[in-house]
PDB file of N, CA and C in Angstrom:
ATOM      1  N   MET A   1     -20.143 -15.874 -31.238  1.00  0.00           N
ATOM      2  CA  MET A   1     -19.300 -16.829 -30.652  1.00  0.00           C
ATOM      3  C   MET A   1     -18.498 -16.391 -29.170  1.00  0.00           C
ATOM      4  N   ALA A   2     -19.009 -17.013 -28.150  1.00  0.00           N
ATOM      5  CA  ALA A   2     -18.605 -16.874 -26.840  1.00  0.00           C
ATOM      6  C   ALA A   2     -17.021 -17.183 -26.448  1.00  0.00           C
ATOM      7  N   VAL A   3     -16.413 -16.240 -25.972  1.00  0.00           N
ATOM      8  CA  VAL A   3     -14.853 -16.901 -25.690  1.00  0.00           C
ATOM      9  C   VAL A   3     -14.828 -16.991 -24.203  1.00  0.00           C
ATOM     10  N   LYS A   4     -14.483 -18.300 -23.696  1.00  0.00           N
ATOM     11  CA  LYS A   4     -14.378 -18.357 -22.288  1.00  0.00           C
ATOM     12  C   LYS A   4     -13.105 -18.103 -21.803  1.00  0.00           C
ATOM     13  N   VAL A   5     -13.176 -17.243 -20.903  1.00  0.00           N
ATOM     14  CA  VAL A   5     -11.860 -16.687 -20.028  1.00  0.00           C
ATOM     15  C   VAL A   5     -11.764 -17.124 -18.695  1.00  0.00           C
ATOM     16  N   LYS A   6     -10.491 -17.686 -18.411  1.00  0.00           N
ATOM     17  CA  LYS A   6     -10.281 -18.254 -17.390  1.00  0.00           C
ATOM     18  C   LYS A   6     -10.067 -17.250 -16.316  1.00  0.00           C
ATOM     19  N   LYS A   7     -10.466 -17.340 -14.949  1.00  0.00           N
ATOM     20  CA  LYS A   7     -10.231 -16.285 -14.073  1.00  0.00           C
ATOM     21  C   LYS A   7      -8.839 -16.465 -13.216  1.00  0.00           C
ATOM     22  N   LYS A   8      -8.185 -15.425 -12.959  1.00  0.00           N
ATOM     23  CA  LYS A   8      -6.869 -15.789 -12.199  1.00  0.00           C
ATOM     24  C   LYS A   8      -7.436 -15.808 -10.755  1.00  0.00           C
ATOM     25  N   LYS A   9      -6.605 -16.716  -9.937  1.00  0.00           N
ATOM     26  CA  LYS A   9      -6.859 -16.809  -8.575  1.00  0.00           C
ATOM     27  C   LYS A   9      -5.788 -16.061  -7.697  1.00  0.00           C
ATOM     28  N   ALA A  10      -6.042 -15.617  -6.754  1.00  0.00           N
ATOM     29  CA  ALA A  10      -4.989 -14.986  -5.872  1.00  0.00           C
ATOM     30  C   ALA A  10      -4.013 -16.079  -5.295  1.00  0.00           C
ATOM     31  N   VAL A  11      -2.831 -15.844  -5.555  1.00  0.00           N
ATOM     32  CA  VAL A  11      -1.741 -16.783  -5.070  1.00  0.00           C
ATOM     33  C   VAL A  11      -1.202 -16.414  -3.917  1.00  0.00           C
ATOM     34  N   LYS A  12      -1.254 -17.467  -2.877  1.00  0.00           N
ATOM     35  CA  LYS A  12      -0.786 -17.209  -1.620  1.00  0.00           C
ATOM     36  C   LYS A  12       0.635 -17.351  -1.482  1.00  0.00           C
ATOM     37  N   VAL A  13       1.544 -16.597  -0.975  1.00  0.00           N
ATOM     38  CA  VAL A  13       2.882 -16.794  -0.816  1.00  0.00           C
ATOM     39  C   VAL A  13       3.156 -16.820   0.823  1.00  0.00           C
ATOM     40  N   ALA A  14       4.377 -17.251   1.138  1.00  0.00           N
ATOM     41  CA  ALA A  14       4.782 -17.288   2.528  1.00  0.00           C
ATOM     42  C   ALA A  14       4.377 -16.300   3.372  1.00  0.00           C
ATOM     43  N   GLY A  15       4.464 -14.998   2.897  1.00  0.00           N
ATOM     44  CA  GLY A  15       4.411 -13.875   3.791  1.00  0.00           C
ATOM     45  C   GLY A  15       3.043 -13.056   3.688  1.00  0.00           C
ATOM     46  N   GLY A  16       2.073 -13.843   2.795  1.00  0.00           N
ATOM     47  CA  GLY A  16       0.752 -13.407   2.668  1.00  0.00           C
ATOM     48  C   GLY A  16       0.318 -13.276   1.149  1.00  0.00           C
ATOM     49  N   LEU A  17      -0.665 -12.434   0.838  1.00  0.00           N
ATOM     50  CA  LEU A  17      -1.095 -12.301  -0.605  1.00  0.00           C
ATOM     51  C   LEU A  17       0.092 -11.827  -1.469  1.00  0.00           C
ATOM     52  N   SER A  18       0.030 -12.490  -2.751  1.00  0.00           N
ATOM     53  CA  SER A  18       0.956 -11.973  -3.677  1.00  0.00           C
ATOM     54  C   SER A  18       0.737 -10.313  -3.865  1.00  0.00           C
ATOM     55  N   GLY A  19       1.816  -9.679  -4.177  1.00  0.00           N
ATOM     56  CA  GLY A  19       1.669  -8.430  -4.574  1.00  0.00           C
ATOM     57  C   GLY A  19       1.445  -7.356  -3.462  1.00  0.00           C
ATOM     58  N   THR A  20       1.321  -7.763  -2.224  1.00  0.00           N
ATOM     59  CA  THR A  20       0.888  -6.955  -1.141  1.00  0.00           C
ATOM     60  C   THR A  20       2.180  -6.168  -0.840  1.00  0.00           C
ATOM     61  N   ARG A  21       1.839  -4.877  -0.485  1.00  0.00           N
ATOM     62  CA  ARG A  21       2.877  -3.879   0.110  1.00  0.00           C
ATOM     63  C   ARG A  21       2.438  -3.348   1.274  1.00  0.00           C
ATOM     64  N   THR A  22       3.443  -2.778   2.107  1.00  0.00           N
ATOM     65  CA  THR A  22       3.310  -2.237   3.430  1.00  0.00           C
ATOM     66  C   THR A  22       3.656  -0.729   3.256  1.00  0.00           C
ATOM     67  N   GLY A  23       2.831   0.168   3.924  1.00  0.00           N
ATOM     68  CA  GLY A  23       3.065   1.555   3.904  1.00  0.00           C
ATOM     69  C   GLY A  23       2.419   2.243   5.035  1.00  0.00           C
ATOM     70  N   VAL A  24       2.430   3.504   5.120  1.00  0.00           N
ATOM     71  CA  VAL A  24       1.955   4.445   6.205  1.00  0.00           C
ATOM     72  C   VAL A  24       0.724   5.239   5.529  1.00  0.00           C
ATOM     73  N   VAL A  25      -0.218   5.227   6.212  1.00  0.00           N
ATOM     74  CA  VAL A  25      -1.429   6.074   5.751  1.00  0.00           C
ATOM     75  C   VAL A  25      -0.976   7.569   5.908  1.00  0.00           C
ATOM     76  N   GLU A  26      -1.129   8.359   4.794  1.00  0.00           N
ATOM     77  CA  GLU A  26      -0.720   9.672   4.796  1.00  0.00           C
ATOM     78  C   GLU A  26      -1.936  10.505   4.929  1.00  0.00           C
ATOM     79  N   SER A  27      -3.064  10.245   4.453  1.00  0.00           N
ATOM     80  CA  SER A  27      -4.296  11.032   4.452  1.00  0.00           C
ATOM     81  C   SER A  27      -5.646  10.028   4.609  1.00  0.00           C
ATOM     82  N   ASP A  28      -6.543  10.468   5.458  1.00  0.00           N
ATOM     83  CA  ASP A  28      -7.739   9.899   5.679  1.00  0.00           C
ATOM     84  C   ASP A  28      -8.716  10.721   5.620  1.00  0.00           C
ATOM     85  N   GLY A  29      -8.746  11.634   4.905  1.00  0.00           N
ATOM     86  CA  GLY A  29      -9.820  12.581   4.880  1.00  0.00           C
ATOM     87  C   GLY A  29     -11.190  12.352   4.170  1.00  0.00           C
ATOM     88  N   ARG A  30     -11.017  11.385   3.220  1.00  0.00           N
ATOM     89  CA  ARG A  30     -12.213  10.901   2.475  1.00  0.00           C
ATOM     90  C   ARG A  30     -12.725   9.656   2.815  1.00  0.00           C
ATOM     91  N   PRO A  31     -14.180   9.484   2.836  1.00  0.00           N
ATOM     92  CA  PRO A  31     -14.664   8.148   3.424  1.00  0.00           C
ATOM     93  C   PRO A  31     -14.312   7.049   2.472  1.00  0.00           C
ATOM     94  N   GLN A  32     -13.953   5.804   3.138  1.00  0.00           N
ATOM     95  CA  GLN A  32     -13.447   4.643   2.389  1.00  0.00           C
ATOM     96  C   GLN A  32     -12.155   4.793   1.622  1.00  0.00           C
ATOM     97  N   THR A  33     -11.453   6.004   1.637  1.00  0.00           N
ATOM     98  CA  THR A  33     -10.306   6.009   0.798  1.00  0.00           C
ATOM     99  C   THR A  33      -9.204   6.576   1.515  1.00  0.00           C
ATOM    100  N   ARG A  34      -8.072   5.903   1.443  1.00  0.00           N
ATOM    101  CA  ARG A  34      -6.767   6.268   2.039  1.00  0.00           C
ATOM    102  C   ARG A  34      -5.618   6.502   1.258  1.00  0.00           C
ATOM    103  N   ARG A  35      -4.940   7.546   1.514  1.00  0.00           N
ATOM    104  CA  ARG A  35      -3.527   7.708   0.889  1.00  0.00           C
ATOM    105  C   ARG A  35      -2.449   7.105   1.453  1.00  0.00           C
ATOM    106  N   VAL A  36      -1.962   6.005   0.971  1.00  0.00           N
ATOM    107  CA  VAL A  36      -0.747   5.304   1.582  1.00  0.00           C
ATOM    108  C   VAL A  36       0.508   5.493   0.950  1.00  0.00           C
ATOM    109  N   VAL A  37       1.718   5.779   1.785  1.00  0.00           N
ATOM    110  CA  VAL A  37       2.900   6.148   1.246  1.00  0.00           C
ATOM    111  C   VAL A  37       3.682   4.839   1.259  1.00  0.00           C
ATOM    112  N   VAL A  38       4.312   4.201   0.276  1.00  0.00           N
ATOM    113  CA  VAL A  38       5.174   3.177   0.299  1.00  0.00           C
ATOM    114  C   VAL A  38       6.579   3.679  -0.084  1.00  0.00           C
ATOM    115  N   ASN A  39       7.529   3.424   0.931  1.00  0.00           N
ATOM    116  CA  ASN A  39       8.909   3.987   0.666  1.00  0.00           C
ATOM    117  C   ASN A  39       9.635   2.584   0.254  1.00  0.00           C
ATOM    118  N   TYR A  40      10.733   2.814  -0.764  1.00  0.00           N
ATOM    119  CA  TYR A  40      11.450   1.647  -1.082  1.00  0.00           C
ATOM    120  C   TYR A  40      12.879   2.277  -1.591  1.00  0.00           C
ATOM    121  N   LEU A  41      13.922   1.361  -1.530  1.00  0.00           N
ATOM    122  CA  LEU A  41      15.337   1.841  -2.048  1.00  0.00           C
ATOM    123  C   LEU A  41      15.415   1.223  -3.540  1.00  0.00           C
ATOM    124  N   THR A  42      15.871   1.848  -4.444  1.00  0.00           N
ATOM    125  CA  THR A  42      16.301   1.518  -5.630  1.00  0.00           C
ATOM    126  C   THR A  42      17.634   1.756  -6.122  1.00  0.00           C
ATOM    127  N   GLN A  43      18.372   1.103  -6.932  1.00  0.00           N
ATOM    128  CA  GLN A  43      19.744   1.305  -7.408  1.00  0.00           C
ATOM    129  C   GLN A  43      19.780   2.331  -8.534  1.00  0.00           C
ATOM    130  N   HIS A  44      20.562   3.270  -8.512  1.00  0.00           N
ATOM    131  CA  HIS A  44      20.723   4.412  -9.474  1.00  0.00           C
ATOM    132  C   HIS A  44      21.346   3.506 -10.922  1.00  0.00           C
ATOM    133  N   PRO A  45      20.810   3.749 -11.967  1.00  0.00           N
ATOM    134  CA  PRO A  45      21.171   2.945 -13.020  1.00  0.00           C
ATOM    135  C   PRO A  45      22.664   3.371 -13.614  1.00  0.00           C
ATOM    136  N   LYS A  46      23.065   4.495 -13.513  1.00  0.00           N
ATOM    137  CA  LYS A  46      24.473   4.764 -13.775  1.00  0.00           C
ATOM    138  C   LYS A  46      25.497   4.679 -12.614  1.00  0.00           C
ATOM    139  N   TYR A  47      25.228   5.380 -11.685  1.00  0.00           N
ATOM    140  CA  TYR A  47      26.123   5.518 -10.597  1.00  0.00           C
ATOM    141  C   TYR A  47      26.227   4.422  -9.483  1.00  0.00           C
ATOM    142  N   GLY A  48      25.029   3.432  -9.370  1.00  0.00           N
ATOM    143  CA  GLY A  48      24.984   2.503  -8.478  1.00  0.00           C
ATOM    144  C   GLY A  48      24.556   2.704  -7.158  1.00  0.00           C
ATOM    145  N   LYS A  49      24.531   3.970  -6.803  1.00  0.00           N
ATOM    146  CA  LYS A  49      24.073   4.434  -5.333  1.00  0.00           C
ATOM    147  C   LYS A  49      22.764   3.930  -5.023  1.00  0.00           C
ATOM    148  N   PHE A  50      22.295   3.657  -4.137  1.00  0.00           N
ATOM    149  CA  PHE A  50      20.868   3.406  -3.618  1.00  0.00           C
ATOM    150  C   PHE A  50      20.187   4.635  -3.270  1.00  0.00           C
ATOM    151  N   VAL A  51      19.023   4.877  -3.890  1.00  0.00           N
ATOM    152  CA  VAL A  51      18.423   6.204  -3.723  1.00  0.00           C
ATOM    153  C   VAL A  51      16.959   5.747  -3.063  1.00  0.00           C
ATOM    154  N   ARG A  52      16.482   6.600  -2.157  1.00  0.00           N
ATOM    155  CA  ARG A  52      15.188   6.301  -1.629  1.00  0.00           C
ATOM    156  C   ARG A  52      14.141   7.043  -2.479  1.00  0.00           C
ATOM    157  N   GLN A  53      13.000   6.128  -2.733  1.00  0.00           N
ATOM    158  CA  GLN A  53      12.018   6.775  -3.512  1.00  0.00           C
ATOM    159  C   GLN A  53      10.541   6.224  -2.848  1.00  0.00           C
ATOM    160  N   ARG A  54       9.533   7.016  -3.192  1.00  0.00           N
ATOM    161  CA  ARG A  54       8.335   6.555  -2.543  1.00  0.00           C
ATOM    162  C   ARG A  54       7.155   6.522  -3.707  1.00  0.00           C
ATOM    163  N   THR A  55       6.088   5.724  -3.503  1.00  0.00           N
ATOM    164  CA  THR A  55       4.949   5.534  -4.144  1.00  0.00           C
ATOM    165  C   THR A  55       3.721   6.048  -3.269  1.00  0.00           C
ATOM    166  N   ILE A  56       2.817   6.626  -3.941  1.00  0.00           N
ATOM    167  CA  ILE A  56       1.536   7.091  -3.228  1.00  0.00           C
ATOM    168  C   ILE A  56       0.457   6.179  -3.884  1.00  0.00           C
ATOM    169  N   LEU A  57      -0.223   5.304  -2.808  1.00  0.00           N
ATOM    170  CA  LEU A  57      -1.368   4.613  -3.431  1.00  0.00           C
ATOM    171  C   LEU A  57      -2.581   4.924  -2.891  1.00  0.00           C
ATOM    172  N   HIS A  58      -3.566   4.914  -3.783  1.00  0.00           N
ATOM    173  CA  HIS A  58      -4.929   5.236  -3.067  1.00  0.00           C
ATOM    174  C   HIS A  58      -5.479   4.064  -2.863  1.00  0.00           C
ATOM    175  N   VAL A  59      -5.985   3.743  -1.675  1.00  0.00           N
ATOM    176  CA  VAL A  59      -6.537   2.379  -1.116  1.00  0.00           C
ATOM    177  C   VAL A  59      -7.859   2.725  -0.646  1.00  0.00           C
ATOM    178  N   HIS A  60      -8.870   1.522  -0.786  1.00  0.00           N
ATOM    179  CA  HIS A  60     -10.076   1.376  -0.500  1.00  0.00           C
ATOM    180  C   HIS A  60     -10.089   0.664   0.803  1.00  0.00           C
ATOM    181  N   ASP A  61     -10.756   1.548   1.583  1.00  0.00           N
ATOM    182  CA  ASP A  61     -10.928   1.039   3.100  1.00  0.00           C
ATOM    183  C   ASP A  61     -12.382   0.704   3.356  1.00  0.00           C
ATOM    184  N   GLU A  62     -12.987  -0.111   3.194  1.00  0.00           N
ATOM    185  CA  GLU A  62     -14.283  -0.443   3.237  1.00  0.00           C
ATOM    186  C   GLU A  62     -14.974  -0.081   4.578  1.00  0.00           C
ATOM    187  N   LYS A  63     -14.302  -0.459   5.718  1.00  0.00           N
ATOM    188  CA  LYS A  63     -14.956  -0.115   6.977  1.00  0.00           C
ATOM    189  C   LYS A  63     -14.224   1.021   7.729  1.00  0.00           C
ATOM    190  N   ASN A  64     -13.431   1.588   7.100  1.00  0.00           N
ATOM    191  CA  ASN A  64     -12.854   2.821   7.676  1.00  0.00           C
ATOM    192  C   ASN A  64     -11.984   2.594   8.847  1.00  0.00           C
ATOM    193  N   GLU A  65     -11.325   1.415   8.741  1.00  0.00           N
ATOM    194  CA  GLU A  65     -10.525   0.904   9.922  1.00  0.00           C
ATOM    195  C   GLU A  65      -9.204   1.772  10.117  1.00  0.00           C
ATOM    196  N   SER A  66      -8.564   2.146   9.186  1.00  0.00           N
ATOM    197  CA  SER A  66      -7.311   2.712   9.273  1.00  0.00           C
ATOM    198  C   SER A  66      -7.421   4.266   9.611  1.00  0.00           C
ATOM    199  N   ARG A  67      -6.254   4.818  10.280  1.00  0.00           N
ATOM    200  CA  ARG A  67      -6.420   6.330  10.577  1.00  0.00           C
ATOM    201  C   ARG A  67      -4.842   6.732  10.366  1.00  0.00           C
ATOM    202  N   LEU A  68      -4.895   7.920  10.163  1.00  0.00           N
ATOM    203  CA  LEU A  68      -3.548   8.919   9.862  1.00  0.00           C
ATOM    204  C   LEU A  68      -2.566   8.287  10.812  1.00  0.00           C
ATOM    205  N   GLY A  69      -1.405   7.743   9.820  1.00  0.00           N
ATOM    206  CA  GLY A  69      -0.209   7.243  10.699  1.00  0.00           C
ATOM    207  C   GLY A  69      -0.020   6.080  10.825  1.00  0.00           C
ATOM    208  N   ASP A  70      -1.221   5.199  10.460  1.00  0.00           N
ATOM    209  CA  ASP A  70      -1.233   3.734  10.858  1.00  0.00           C
ATOM    210  C   ASP A  70      -0.353   2.946   9.804  1.00  0.00           C
ATOM    211  N   VAL A  71       0.243   1.827  10.205  1.00  0.00           N
ATOM    212  CA  VAL A  71       1.124   1.103   9.186  1.00  0.00           C
ATOM    213  C   VAL A  71       0.101   0.178   8.858  1.00  0.00           C
ATOM    214  N   VAL A  72      -0.059  -0.097   7.324  1.00  0.00           N
ATOM    215  CA  VAL A  72      -1.024  -1.080   6.752  1.00  0.00           C
ATOM    216  C   VAL A  72      -0.625  -1.864   5.902  1.00  0.00           C
ATOM    217  N   GLU A  73      -1.334  -2.982   5.451  1.00  0.00           N
ATOM    218  CA  GLU A  73      -0.770  -3.787   4.270  1.00  0.00           C
ATOM    219  C   GLU A  73      -1.839  -3.782   3.535  1.00  0.00           C
ATOM    220  N   VAL A  74      -1.490  -3.387   2.024  1.00  0.00           N
ATOM    221  CA  VAL A  74      -2.505  -3.237   0.971  1.00  0.00           C
ATOM    222  C   VAL A  74      -2.182  -4.425  -0.195  1.00  0.00           C
ATOM    223  N   ALA A  75      -3.195  -4.549  -1.045  1.00  0.00           N
ATOM    224  CA  ALA A  75      -3.135  -5.548  -2.123  1.00  0.00           C
ATOM    225  C   ALA A  75      -3.723  -5.096  -3.326  1.00  0.00           C
ATOM    226  N   PRO A  76      -3.210  -5.337  -4.474  1.00  0.00           N
ATOM    227  CA  PRO A  76      -4.039  -4.802  -5.698  1.00  0.00           C
ATOM    228  C   PRO A  76      -5.262  -5.499  -6.008  1.00  0.00           C
ATOM    229  N   CYS A  77      -6.145  -4.739  -6.453  1.00  0.00           N
ATOM    230  CA  CYS A  77      -7.505  -5.109  -6.852  1.00  0.00           C
ATOM    231  C   CYS A  77      -8.130  -4.584  -8.117  1.00  0.00           C
ATOM    232  N   ARG A  78      -9.240  -4.916  -8.607  1.00  0.00           N
ATOM    233  CA  ARG A  78      -9.611  -4.311  -9.935  1.00  0.00           C
ATOM    234  C   ARG A  78      -9.801  -2.744  -9.720  1.00  0.00           C
ATOM    235  N   PRO A  79      -9.872  -2.043 -10.681  1.00  0.00           N
ATOM    236  CA  PRO A  79     -10.042  -0.584 -10.576  1.00  0.00           C
ATOM    237  C   PRO A  79     -11.502  -0.360  -9.960  1.00  0.00           C
ATOM    238  N   LEU A  80     -11.359   0.371  -8.676  1.00  0.00           N
ATOM    239  CA  LEU A  80     -12.551   0.753  -8.065  1.00  0.00           C
ATOM    240  C   LEU A  80     -13.017   2.216  -8.439  1.00  0.00           C
ATOM    241  N   SER A  81     -12.101   3.141  -8.795  1.00  0.00           N
ATOM    242  CA  SER A  81     -12.403   4.488  -9.393  1.00  0.00           C
ATOM    243  C   SER A  81     -11.319   4.986 -10.217  1.00  0.00           C
ATOM    244  N   ARG A  82     -11.171   6.094 -10.530  1.00  0.00           N
ATOM    245  CA  ARG A  82     -10.180   6.587 -11.561  1.00  0.00           C
ATOM    246  C   ARG A  82      -8.909   6.289 -10.987  1.00  0.00           C
ATOM    247  N   SER A  83      -8.745   6.346  -9.651  1.00  0.00           N
ATOM    248  CA  SER A  83      -7.401   6.349  -8.929  1.00  0.00           C
ATOM    249  C   SER A  83      -7.159   5.166  -8.159  1.00  0.00           C
ATOM    250  N   LYS A  84      -8.340   4.612  -7.555  1.00  0.00           N
ATOM    251  CA  LYS A  84      -8.178   3.510  -6.563  1.00  0.00           C
ATOM    252  C   LYS A  84      -7.984   2.289  -7.331  1.00  0.00           C
ATOM    253  N   ARG A  85      -6.813   1.455  -6.933  1.00  0.00           N
ATOM    254  CA  ARG A  85      -6.478   0.194  -7.496  1.00  0.00           C
ATOM    255  C   ARG A  85      -6.110  -0.855  -6.542  1.00  0.00           C
ATOM    256  N   TRP A  86      -6.153  -0.357  -5.177  1.00  0.00           N
ATOM    257  CA  TRP A  86      -5.623  -1.087  -4.065  1.00  0.00           C
ATOM    258  C   TRP A  86      -6.521  -1.295  -2.855  1.00  0.00           C
ATOM    259  N   THR A  87      -6.609  -2.334  -2.416  1.00  0.00           N
ATOM    260  CA  THR A  87      -7.518  -2.450  -1.165  1.00  0.00           C
ATOM    261  C   THR A  87      -6.709  -2.726   0.011  1.00  0.00           C
ATOM    262  N   LEU A  88      -7.276  -2.417   1.023  1.00  0.00           N
ATOM    263  CA  LEU A  88      -6.747  -2.731   2.503  1.00  0.00           C
ATOM    264  C   LEU A  88      -6.863  -4.201   2.786  1.00  0.00           C
ATOM    265  N   VAL A  89      -5.868  -4.676   3.197  1.00  0.00           N
ATOM    266  CA  VAL A  89      -5.688  -6.069   3.702  1.00  0.00           C
ATOM    267  C   VAL A  89      -5.700  -6.021   5.133  1.00  0.00           C
ATOM    268  N   LYS A  90      -5.008  -5.420   5.986  1.00  0.00           N
ATOM    269  CA  LYS A  90      -5.106  -5.325   7.373  1.00  0.00           C
ATOM    270  C   LYS A  90      -4.246  -4.113   7.777  1.00  0.00           C
ATOM    271  N   VAL A  91      -4.554  -3.731   9.174  1.00  0.00           N
ATOM    272  CA  VAL A  91      -3.786  -2.791   9.994  1.00  0.00           C
ATOM    273  C   VAL A  91      -2.616  -3.423  10.680  1.00  0.00           C
ATOM    274  N   VAL A  92      -1.294  -3.278  10.236  1.00  0.00           N
ATOM    275  CA  VAL A  92      -0.442  -3.871  10.852  1.00  0.00           C
ATOM    276  C   VAL A  92       0.036  -3.357  12.347  1.00  0.00           C
ATOM    277  N   GLU A  93       0.079  -1.933  12.410  1.00  0.00           N
ATOM    278  CA  GLU A  93       0.358  -1.286  13.740  1.00  0.00           C
ATOM    279  C   GLU A  93      -0.328   0.008  13.668  1.00  0.00           C
ATOM    280  N   ARG A  94      -1.055   0.440  14.906  1.00  0.00           N
ATOM    281  CA  ARG A  94      -1.717   1.371  15.127  1.00  0.00           C
ATOM    282  C   ARG A  94      -0.699   2.465  15.456  1.00  0.00           C
ATOM    283  N   ARG A  95      -0.778   3.598  14.989  1.00  0.00           N
ATOM    284  CA  ARG A  95      -0.022   4.859  15.281  1.00  0.00           C
ATOM    285  C   ARG A  95      -0.854   6.025  15.374  1.00  0.00           C
ATOM    286  N   ASN A  96      -0.666   6.844  16.438  1.00  0.00           N
ATOM    287  CA  ASN A  96      -1.432   7.964  16.559  1.00  0.00           C
ATOM    288  C   ASN A  96      -0.811   9.336  16.139  1.00  0.00           C
ATOM    289  N   GLU A  97       0.409   9.337  16.372  1.00  0.00           N
ATOM    290  CA  GLU A  97       1.141  10.588  15.983  1.00  0.00           C
ATOM    291  C   GLU A  97       1.598  10.663  14.661  1.00  0.00           C
ATOM    292  N   GLN A  98       1.671  11.748  14.016  1.00  0.00           N
ATOM    293  CA  GLN A  98       2.141  11.915  12.611  1.00  0.00           C
ATOM    294  C   GLN A  98       3.768  11.672  12.585  1.00  0.00           C
ATOM    295  N   ALA A  99       4.453  12.121  13.692  1.00  0.00           N
ATOM    296  CA  ALA A  99       5.901  12.136  13.816  1.00  0.00           C
ATOM    297  C   ALA A  99       6.494  10.752  13.991  1.00  0.00           C
ATOM    298  N   THR A 100       5.734   9.851  14.678  1.00  0.00           N
ATOM    299  CA  THR A 100       6.345   8.469  14.739  1.00  0.00           C
ATOM    300  C   THR A 100       5.823   7.726  13.520  1.00  0.00           C
ATOM    301  N   ALA A 101       4.788   8.185  12.675  1.00  0.00           N
ATOM    302  CA  ALA A 101       4.491   7.504  11.436  1.00  0.00           C
ATOM    303  C   ALA A 101       5.477   8.005  10.419  1.00  0.00           C
ATOM    304  N   VAL A 102       5.921   9.019  10.385  1.00  0.00           N
ATOM    305  CA  VAL A 102       7.020   9.442   9.571  1.00  0.00           C
ATOM    306  C   VAL A 102       8.319   8.611   9.920  1.00  0.00           C
ATOM    307  N   LYS A 103       8.646   8.682  11.143  1.00  0.00           N
ATOM    308  CA  LYS A 103       9.841   7.759  11.364  1.00  0.00           C
ATOM    309  C   LYS A 103       9.853   6.362  11.161  1.00  0.00           C
ATOM    310  N   SER A 104       8.685   5.621  11.246  1.00  0.00           N
ATOM    311  CA  SER A 104       8.406   4.388  10.982  1.00  0.00           C
ATOM    312  C   SER A 104       8.522   4.087   9.407  1.00  0.00           C
ATOM    313  N   ALA A 105       7.993   5.128   8.595  1.00  0.00           N
ATOM    314  CA  ALA A 105       8.015   5.145   7.227  1.00  0.00           C
ATOM    315  C   ALA A 105       9.489   5.059   6.666  1.00  0.00           C
ATOM    316  N   LYS A 106      10.310   5.797   7.341  1.00  0.00           N
ATOM    317  CA  LYS A 106      11.664   5.809   6.921  1.00  0.00           C
ATOM    318  C   LYS A 106      12.318   4.390   7.307  1.00  0.00           C
ATOM    319  N   GLU A 107      11.789   3.890   8.439  1.00  0.00           N
ATOM    320  CA  GLU A 107      12.486   2.534   8.901  1.00  0.00           C
ATOM    321  C   GLU A 107      11.919   1.381   8.055  1.00  0.00           C
ATOM    322  N   ILE A 108      10.749   1.579   7.584  1.00  0.00           N
ATOM    323  CA  ILE A 108      10.216   0.454   6.655  1.00  0.00           C
ATOM    324  C   ILE A 108      10.871   0.417   5.202  1.00  0.00           C
ATOM    325  N   GLY A 109      11.245   1.652   5.033  1.00  0.00           N
ATOM    326  CA  GLY A 109      11.964   1.818   3.525  1.00  0.00           C
ATOM    327  C   GLY A 109      13.349   1.431   3.454  1.00  0.00           C
ATOM    328  N   GLN A 110      13.828   1.200   4.672  1.00  0.00           N
ATOM    329  CA  GLN A 110      15.261   0.782   4.663  1.00  0.00           C
ATOM    330  C   GLN A 110      15.399  -0.709   4.567  1.00  0.00           C
TER     331      GLN A 110
END
């Protein structure tokens, strides 16, 4: 007995695709793979103070468009490898120097 499964379509939201995140490319050493750091603030459960945290995402970059320090937008996708679950949507801003990338990462997280 074959079970028919409905495919979920990507839902567009005002800001772009649903589930997209913006971060800074931390590593571009491997072909078609980037490490993107996404900074965010979260509230401490007991004390209520806002704490800075970060998530490292392994992103698939098909055309090798992004470089170290670039600000990029990524979206979730099907598993492409053991660690890659995200794909590159677009390069938001080109950055050449690591220092400016770190500075912008802090600004994005705020």
